[in-house]
Amino acid sequence: MKDNTETKTVKQFILILLAVVLIVIAIYLFTTKVVNKDSENTSTNNNANTTYIDPTKAIVGTMLNKGTDEYYVLIYDSTSEDASSYARLLTSYSSSKNTKATYTVDLSNAINSKYIATDGKTNPTASKLSELRFGEVTLLKVKDNKITNAYESVESIKKELKITD
């Protein structure tokens, strides 16, 4: 009779051990599946949140700090009706040989909006940053972090950039 109870005890121990092993395996499989699913979501979100900073864009506050070489800054409102024609000016200029670097400042950007000449009085060559005011379109020629020339009409911009239609 002693053998019979020992056999029952061994069988119970083996069954309990198997049940514990199965539960541990089930928990392991479940957690690896959840962790992998979370990793896939995280990597997908990281790709979606990748941002690109365009080095040719500037704000009024930094447009004079683009280097010591001579360069141009085209300032206009990208939401205006003529915005695409202003952008084409730079595209035409950039496709020419021996061009200077070009940057754009978007006046529709909230940071730049305080520099719009609302009263029609532009001041593109002001000595102080706070006094700068720009009209519909302005091309600045910058050298050694200073504005050397300003062009406020499409015709004068084309002439300076040597663009022919």
C-alpha atoms as a PDB file:
ATOM      1  CA  MET A   1       0.000   0.000   0.000  1.00  0.00           C
ATOM      2  CA  LYS A   2       2.941   2.228   0.638  1.00  0.00           C
ATOM      3  CA  ASP A   3       4.020   1.901  -3.002  1.00  0.00           C
ATOM      4  CA  ASN A   4       0.584   2.889  -4.140  1.00  0.00           C
ATOM      5  CA  THR A   5       0.600   6.178  -2.173  1.00  0.00           C
ATOM      6  CA  GLU A   6       4.148   6.937  -3.245  1.00  0.00           C
ATOM      7  CA  THR A   7       3.173   6.379  -6.869  1.00  0.00           C
ATOM      8  CA  LYS A   8       0.188   8.703  -6.467  1.00  0.00           C
ATOM      9  CA  THR A   9       2.395  11.356  -4.896  1.00  0.00           C
ATOM     10  CA  VAL A  10       4.961  11.100  -7.708  1.00  0.00           C
ATOM     11  CA  LYS A  11       2.191  11.307 -10.330  1.00  0.00           C
ATOM     12  CA  GLN A  12       0.724  14.385  -8.617  1.00  0.00           C
ATOM     13  CA  PHE A  13       4.163  15.998  -8.433  1.00  0.00           C
ATOM     14  CA  ILE A  14       4.804  15.351 -12.148  1.00  0.00           C
ATOM     15  CA  LEU A  15       1.368  16.729 -13.102  1.00  0.00           C
ATOM     16  CA  ILE A  16       1.876  19.853 -11.005  1.00  0.00           C
ATOM     17  CA  LEU A  17       5.370  20.311 -12.456  1.00  0.00           C
ATOM     18  CA  LEU A  18       4.018  19.965 -16.021  1.00  0.00           C
ATOM     19  CA  ALA A  19       1.233  22.449 -15.287  1.00  0.00           C
ATOM     20  CA  VAL A  20       3.719  24.988 -13.911  1.00  0.00           C
ATOM     21  CA  VAL A  21       6.029  24.527 -16.936  1.00  0.00           C
ATOM     22  CA  LEU A  22       3.094  24.984 -19.347  1.00  0.00           C
ATOM     23  CA  ILE A  23       1.952  28.138 -17.532  1.00  0.00           C
ATOM     24  CA  VAL A  24       5.490  29.587 -17.637  1.00  0.00           C
ATOM     25  CA  ILE A  25       5.771  28.832 -21.378  1.00  0.00           C
ATOM     26  CA  ALA A  26       2.355  30.411 -22.035  1.00  0.00           C
ATOM     27  CA  ILE A  27       3.315  33.567 -20.119  1.00  0.00           C
ATOM     28  CA  TYR A  28       6.641  33.741 -21.995  1.00  0.00           C
ATOM     29  CA  LEU A  29       4.959  33.435 -25.404  1.00  0.00           C
ATOM     30  CA  PHE A  30       2.317  36.003 -24.490  1.00  0.00           C
ATOM     31  CA  THR A  31       4.835  38.593 -23.271  1.00  0.00           C
ATOM     32  CA  THR A  32       7.128  38.183 -26.296  1.00  0.00           C
ATOM     33  CA  LYS A  33       4.157  38.696 -28.601  1.00  0.00           C
ATOM     34  CA  VAL A  34       3.073  41.849 -26.730  1.00  0.00           C
ATOM     35  CA  VAL A  35       6.629  43.242 -26.624  1.00  0.00           C
ATOM     36  CA  ASN A  36       7.154  42.608 -30.352  1.00  0.00           C
ATOM     37  CA  LYS A  37       3.822  44.237 -31.178  1.00  0.00           C
ATOM     38  CA  ASP A  38       4.799  47.283 -29.099  1.00  0.00           C
ATOM     39  CA  SER A  39       8.225  47.440 -30.789  1.00  0.00           C
ATOM     40  CA  GLU A  40       6.603  47.422 -34.225  1.00  0.00           C
ATOM     41  CA  ASN A  41       4.327  50.307 -33.218  1.00  0.00           C
ATOM     42  CA  THR A  42       7.227  52.271 -31.769  1.00  0.00           C
ATOM     43  CA  SER A  43       9.432  51.864 -34.835  1.00  0.00           C
ATOM     44  CA  THR A  44       6.544  52.849 -37.105  1.00  0.00           C
ATOM     45  CA  ASN A  45       5.893  55.960 -35.020  1.00  0.00           C
ATOM     46  CA  ASN A  46       9.569  56.925 -35.061  1.00  0.00           C
ATOM     47  CA  ASN A  47       9.556  56.919 -38.855  1.00  0.00           C
ATOM     48  CA  ALA A  48       6.399  59.010 -38.950  1.00  0.00           C
ATOM     49  CA  ASN A  49       7.892  61.635 -36.617  1.00  0.00           C
ATOM     50  CA  THR A  50      11.067  62.169 -38.621  1.00  0.00           C
ATOM     51  CA  THR A  51      11.458  65.840 -39.441  1.00  0.00           C
ATOM     52  CA  TYR A  52      13.480  67.530 -42.120  1.00  0.00           C
ATOM     53  CA  ILE A  53      15.033  70.934 -41.688  1.00  0.00           C
ATOM     54  CA  ASP A  54      15.559  72.700 -44.982  1.00  0.00           C
ATOM     55  CA  PRO A  55      18.911  74.510 -44.857  1.00  0.00           C
ATOM     56  CA  THR A  56      17.779  76.978 -47.534  1.00  0.00           C
ATOM     57  CA  LYS A  57      14.980  78.337 -45.327  1.00  0.00           C
ATOM     58  CA  ALA A  58      15.671  81.056 -42.807  1.00  0.00           C
ATOM     59  CA  ILE A  59      13.881  83.367 -40.442  1.00  0.00           C
ATOM     60  CA  VAL A  60      14.444  87.104 -40.368  1.00  0.00           C
ATOM     61  CA  GLY A  61      16.341  86.838 -37.087  1.00  0.00           C
ATOM     62  CA  THR A  62      18.955  84.455 -38.528  1.00  0.00           C
ATOM     63  CA  MET A  63      19.092  85.466 -42.183  1.00  0.00           C
ATOM     64  CA  LEU A  64      22.228  87.548 -41.689  1.00  0.00           C
ATOM     65  CA  ASN A  65      24.102  84.693 -39.989  1.00  0.00           C
ATOM     66  CA  LYS A  66      24.380  82.288 -42.907  1.00  0.00           C
ATOM     67  CA  GLY A  67      28.109  82.717 -43.449  1.00  0.00           C
ATOM     68  CA  THR A  68      30.695  85.270 -44.469  1.00  0.00           C
ATOM     69  CA  ASP A  69      30.353  84.711 -48.200  1.00  0.00           C
ATOM     70  CA  GLU A  70      28.063  86.796 -50.314  1.00  0.00           C
ATOM     71  CA  TYR A  71      24.566  85.345 -50.702  1.00  0.00           C
ATOM     72  CA  TYR A  72      20.979  86.269 -51.508  1.00  0.00           C
ATOM     73  CA  VAL A  73      17.876  86.079 -49.336  1.00  0.00           C
ATOM     74  CA  LEU A  74      14.484  86.139 -51.056  1.00  0.00           C
ATOM     75  CA  ILE A  75      11.744  87.278 -48.695  1.00  0.00           C
ATOM     76  CA  TYR A  76       8.094  86.717 -49.586  1.00  0.00           C
ATOM     77  CA  ASP A  77       4.798  85.309 -48.306  1.00  0.00           C
ATOM     78  CA  SER A  78       4.513  81.680 -49.431  1.00  0.00           C
ATOM     79  CA  THR A  79       0.713  81.891 -49.199  1.00  0.00           C
ATOM     80  CA  SER A  80       0.423  84.781 -51.659  1.00  0.00           C
ATOM     81  CA  GLU A  81      -0.881  84.293 -55.192  1.00  0.00           C
ATOM     82  CA  ASP A  82       2.528  85.089 -56.702  1.00  0.00           C
ATOM     83  CA  ALA A  83       4.523  82.818 -54.371  1.00  0.00           C
ATOM     84  CA  SER A  84       5.189  80.199 -57.045  1.00  0.00           C
ATOM     85  CA  SER A  85       6.578  82.812 -59.438  1.00  0.00           C
ATOM     86  CA  TYR A  86       8.870  84.121 -56.682  1.00  0.00           C
ATOM     87  CA  ALA A  87      10.104  80.584 -55.991  1.00  0.00           C
ATOM     88  CA  ARG A  88      10.719  80.119 -59.731  1.00  0.00           C
ATOM     89  CA  LEU A  89      13.027  83.137 -59.671  1.00  0.00           C
ATOM     90  CA  LEU A  90      15.364  81.303 -57.316  1.00  0.00           C
ATOM     91  CA  THR A  91      15.025  78.067 -59.276  1.00  0.00           C
ATOM     92  CA  SER A  92      15.995  79.869 -62.475  1.00  0.00           C
ATOM     93  CA  TYR A  93      18.894  81.573 -60.749  1.00  0.00           C
ATOM     94  CA  SER A  94      20.134  78.365 -59.101  1.00  0.00           C
ATOM     95  CA  SER A  95      20.204  76.551 -62.435  1.00  0.00           C
ATOM     96  CA  SER A  96      22.659  79.147 -63.795  1.00  0.00           C
ATOM     97  CA  LYS A  97      26.428  78.784 -63.541  1.00  0.00           C
ATOM     98  CA  ASN A  98      28.530  80.487 -60.860  1.00  0.00           C
ATOM     99  CA  THR A  99      25.647  81.335 -58.568  1.00  0.00           C
ATOM    100  CA  LYS A 100      25.783  82.547 -54.993  1.00  0.00           C
ATOM    101  CA  ALA A 101      24.005  80.703 -52.216  1.00  0.00           C
ATOM    102  CA  THR A 102      20.314  81.521 -51.865  1.00  0.00           C
ATOM    103  CA  TYR A 103      17.974  81.390 -48.893  1.00  0.00           C
ATOM    104  CA  THR A 104      14.290  82.110 -48.492  1.00  0.00           C
ATOM    105  CA  VAL A 105      12.349  83.741 -45.685  1.00  0.00           C
ATOM    106  CA  ASP A 106       8.622  83.033 -45.519  1.00  0.00           C
ATOM    107  CA  LEU A 107       6.659  86.019 -44.252  1.00  0.00           C
ATOM    108  CA  SER A 108       3.607  83.811 -43.602  1.00  0.00           C
ATOM    109  CA  ASN A 109       5.572  82.161 -40.790  1.00  0.00           C
ATOM    110  CA  ALA A 110       4.401  83.643 -37.474  1.00  0.00           C
ATOM    111  CA  ILE A 111       7.986  84.344 -36.409  1.00  0.00           C
ATOM    112  CA  ASN A 112       8.549  86.507 -39.496  1.00  0.00           C
ATOM    113  CA  SER A 113       5.130  88.185 -39.683  1.00  0.00           C
ATOM    114  CA  LYS A 114       6.136  91.129 -37.500  1.00  0.00           C
ATOM    115  CA  TYR A 115       8.508  92.254 -40.271  1.00  0.00           C
ATOM    116  CA  ILE A 116       5.723  92.837 -42.819  1.00  0.00           C
ATOM    117  CA  ALA A 117       5.290  96.492 -43.795  1.00  0.00           C
ATOM    118  CA  THR A 118       1.566  96.833 -43.094  1.00  0.00           C
ATOM    119  CA  ASP A 119       1.550 100.585 -43.738  1.00  0.00           C
ATOM    120  CA  GLY A 120       3.295 100.273 -47.103  1.00  0.00           C
ATOM    121  CA  LYS A 121       6.549 101.729 -45.743  1.00  0.00           C
ATOM    122  CA  THR A 122       9.278  99.178 -46.286  1.00  0.00           C
ATOM    123  CA  ASN A 123      12.699  99.377 -44.684  1.00  0.00           C
ATOM    124  CA  PRO A 124      14.760  96.453 -46.014  1.00  0.00           C
ATOM    125  CA  THR A 125      18.155  98.012 -45.269  1.00  0.00           C
ATOM    126  CA  ALA A 126      17.568  99.056 -41.662  1.00  0.00           C
ATOM    127  CA  SER A 127      20.594  98.907 -39.403  1.00  0.00           C
ATOM    128  CA  LYS A 128      18.610  97.330 -36.556  1.00  0.00           C
ATOM    129  CA  LEU A 129      16.802  94.035 -36.936  1.00  0.00           C
ATOM    130  CA  SER A 130      13.718  95.408 -35.179  1.00  0.00           C
ATOM    131  CA  GLU A 131      13.399  98.179 -37.787  1.00  0.00           C
ATOM    132  CA  LEU A 132      13.350  95.859 -40.823  1.00  0.00           C
ATOM    133  CA  ARG A 133      10.099  95.919 -42.830  1.00  0.00           C
ATOM    134  CA  PHE A 134       9.424  94.037 -46.038  1.00  0.00           C
ATOM    135  CA  GLY A 135       6.846  94.379 -48.778  1.00  0.00           C
ATOM    136  CA  GLU A 136       5.368  91.701 -51.028  1.00  0.00           C
ATOM    137  CA  VAL A 137       8.742  90.475 -52.294  1.00  0.00           C
ATOM    138  CA  THR A 138      12.276  91.539 -51.424  1.00  0.00           C
ATOM    139  CA  LEU A 139      15.664  90.226 -52.468  1.00  0.00           C
ATOM    140  CA  LEU A 140      18.521  91.047 -50.124  1.00  0.00           C
ATOM    141  CA  LYS A 141      22.164  90.799 -51.057  1.00  0.00           C
ATOM    142  CA  VAL A 142      24.129  89.961 -47.915  1.00  0.00           C
ATOM    143  CA  LYS A 143      27.879  90.064 -47.393  1.00  0.00           C
ATOM    144  CA  ASP A 144      29.799  89.749 -44.130  1.00  0.00           C
ATOM    145  CA  ASN A 145      26.522  89.497 -42.181  1.00  0.00           C
ATOM    146  CA  LYS A 146      25.323  92.871 -43.489  1.00  0.00           C
ATOM    147  CA  ILE A 147      22.665  93.783 -46.031  1.00  0.00           C
ATOM    148  CA  THR A 148      24.516  95.401 -48.930  1.00  0.00           C
ATOM    149  CA  ASN A 149      21.594  95.843 -51.368  1.00  0.00           C
ATOM    150  CA  ALA A 150      17.829  95.371 -51.410  1.00  0.00           C
ATOM    151  CA  TYR A 151      15.599  94.841 -54.451  1.00  0.00           C
ATOM    152  CA  GLU A 152      11.846  95.227 -53.995  1.00  0.00           C
ATOM    153  CA  SER A 153      10.341  94.564 -57.402  1.00  0.00           C
ATOM    154  CA  VAL A 154      10.280  91.473 -59.578  1.00  0.00           C
ATOM    155  CA  GLU A 155      11.980  93.377 -62.396  1.00  0.00           C
ATOM    156  CA  SER A 156      14.845  94.611 -60.213  1.00  0.00           C
ATOM    157  CA  ILE A 157      15.243  91.111 -58.749  1.00  0.00           C
ATOM    158  CA  LYS A 158      15.420  89.583 -62.235  1.00  0.00           C
ATOM    159  CA  LYS A 159      17.970  92.194 -63.252  1.00  0.00           C
ATOM    160  CA  GLU A 160      20.169  91.527 -60.202  1.00  0.00           C
ATOM    161  CA  LEU A 161      19.970  87.750 -60.645  1.00  0.00           C
ATOM    162  CA  LYS A 162      20.489  88.125 -64.410  1.00  0.00           C
ATOM    163  CA  ILE A 163      17.309  86.194 -65.212  1.00  0.00           C
ATOM    164  CA  THR A 164      15.824  86.648 -68.658  1.00  0.00           C
ATOM    165  CA  ASP A 165      12.336  85.493 -69.566  1.00  0.00           C
END
